[in-house]
C-alpha cells in the first residue's frame, strides 16, 4: 500500500485519478467477460 501522504498527493492530480479509474474499468470488464464466458 502507498503511504497516506503519497496516495493523497496522487489523488490530487486528475491524471492519476483518471488512470486509477481506467484500471478499475479494465478490471471490471475483465471480470464481466470471465463471468460471461463461464
C-alpha atoms as a PDB file:
ATOM      1  CA  UNK A   1       0.000   0.000   0.000  1.00  0.00           C
ATOM      2  CA  UNK A   2       1.075   3.555  -0.655  1.00  0.00           C
ATOM      3  CA  UNK A   3       1.594   5.772   2.333  1.00  0.00           C
ATOM      4  CA  UNK A   4      -1.292   8.109   3.054  1.00  0.00           C
ATOM      5  CA  UNK A   5       0.768  11.147   2.060  1.00  0.00           C
ATOM      6  CA  UNK A   6       1.648   9.660  -1.320  1.00  0.00           C
ATOM      7  CA  UNK A   7      -1.887   8.500  -2.042  1.00  0.00           C
ATOM      8  CA  UNK A   8      -3.237  11.934  -1.124  1.00  0.00           C
ATOM      9  CA  UNK A   9      -0.692  13.503  -3.475  1.00  0.00           C
ATOM     10  CA  UNK A  10      -1.721  11.193  -6.315  1.00  0.00           C
ATOM     11  CA  UNK A  11      -5.439  11.655  -5.740  1.00  0.00           C
ATOM     12  CA  UNK A  12      -4.955  15.426  -6.005  1.00  0.00           C
ATOM     13  CA  UNK A  13      -3.767  15.003  -9.591  1.00  0.00           C
ATOM     14  CA  UNK A  14      -6.532  14.164 -12.037  1.00  0.00           C
ATOM     15  CA  UNK A  15      -4.167  12.239 -14.323  1.00  0.00           C
ATOM     16  CA  UNK A  16      -3.563   9.663 -11.621  1.00  0.00           C
ATOM     17  CA  UNK A  17      -7.229   9.672 -10.624  1.00  0.00           C
ATOM     18  CA  UNK A  18      -8.245   9.022 -14.238  1.00  0.00           C
ATOM     19  CA  UNK A  19      -5.542   6.360 -14.575  1.00  0.00           C
ATOM     20  CA  UNK A  20      -6.895   4.645 -11.450  1.00  0.00           C
ATOM     21  CA  UNK A  21     -10.404   4.800 -12.916  1.00  0.00           C
ATOM     22  CA  UNK A  22      -9.212   3.245 -16.184  1.00  0.00           C
ATOM     23  CA  UNK A  23      -7.578   0.393 -14.272  1.00  0.00           C
ATOM     24  CA  UNK A  24     -10.824  -0.098 -12.337  1.00  0.00           C
ATOM     25  CA  UNK A  25     -12.894  -0.159 -15.541  1.00  0.00           C
ATOM     26  CA  UNK A  26     -10.484  -2.612 -17.179  1.00  0.00           C
ATOM     27  CA  UNK A  27     -10.605  -4.998 -14.230  1.00  0.00           C
ATOM     28  CA  UNK A  28     -14.413  -4.770 -14.066  1.00  0.00           C
ATOM     29  CA  UNK A  29     -14.763  -5.518 -17.786  1.00  0.00           C
ATOM     30  CA  UNK A  30     -12.314  -8.440 -17.461  1.00  0.00           C
ATOM     31  CA  UNK A  31     -14.384  -9.839 -14.601  1.00  0.00           C
ATOM     32  CA  UNK A  32     -17.526  -9.384 -16.675  1.00  0.00           C
ATOM     33  CA  UNK A  33     -16.011 -11.187 -19.674  1.00  0.00           C
ATOM     34  CA  UNK A  34     -14.700 -14.006 -17.491  1.00  0.00           C
ATOM     35  CA  UNK A  35     -18.106 -14.491 -15.863  1.00  0.00           C
ATOM     36  CA  UNK A  36     -19.867 -14.270 -19.205  1.00  0.00           C
ATOM     37  CA  UNK A  37     -17.661 -16.962 -20.755  1.00  0.00           C
ATOM     38  CA  UNK A  38     -18.269 -19.489 -17.952  1.00  0.00           C
END
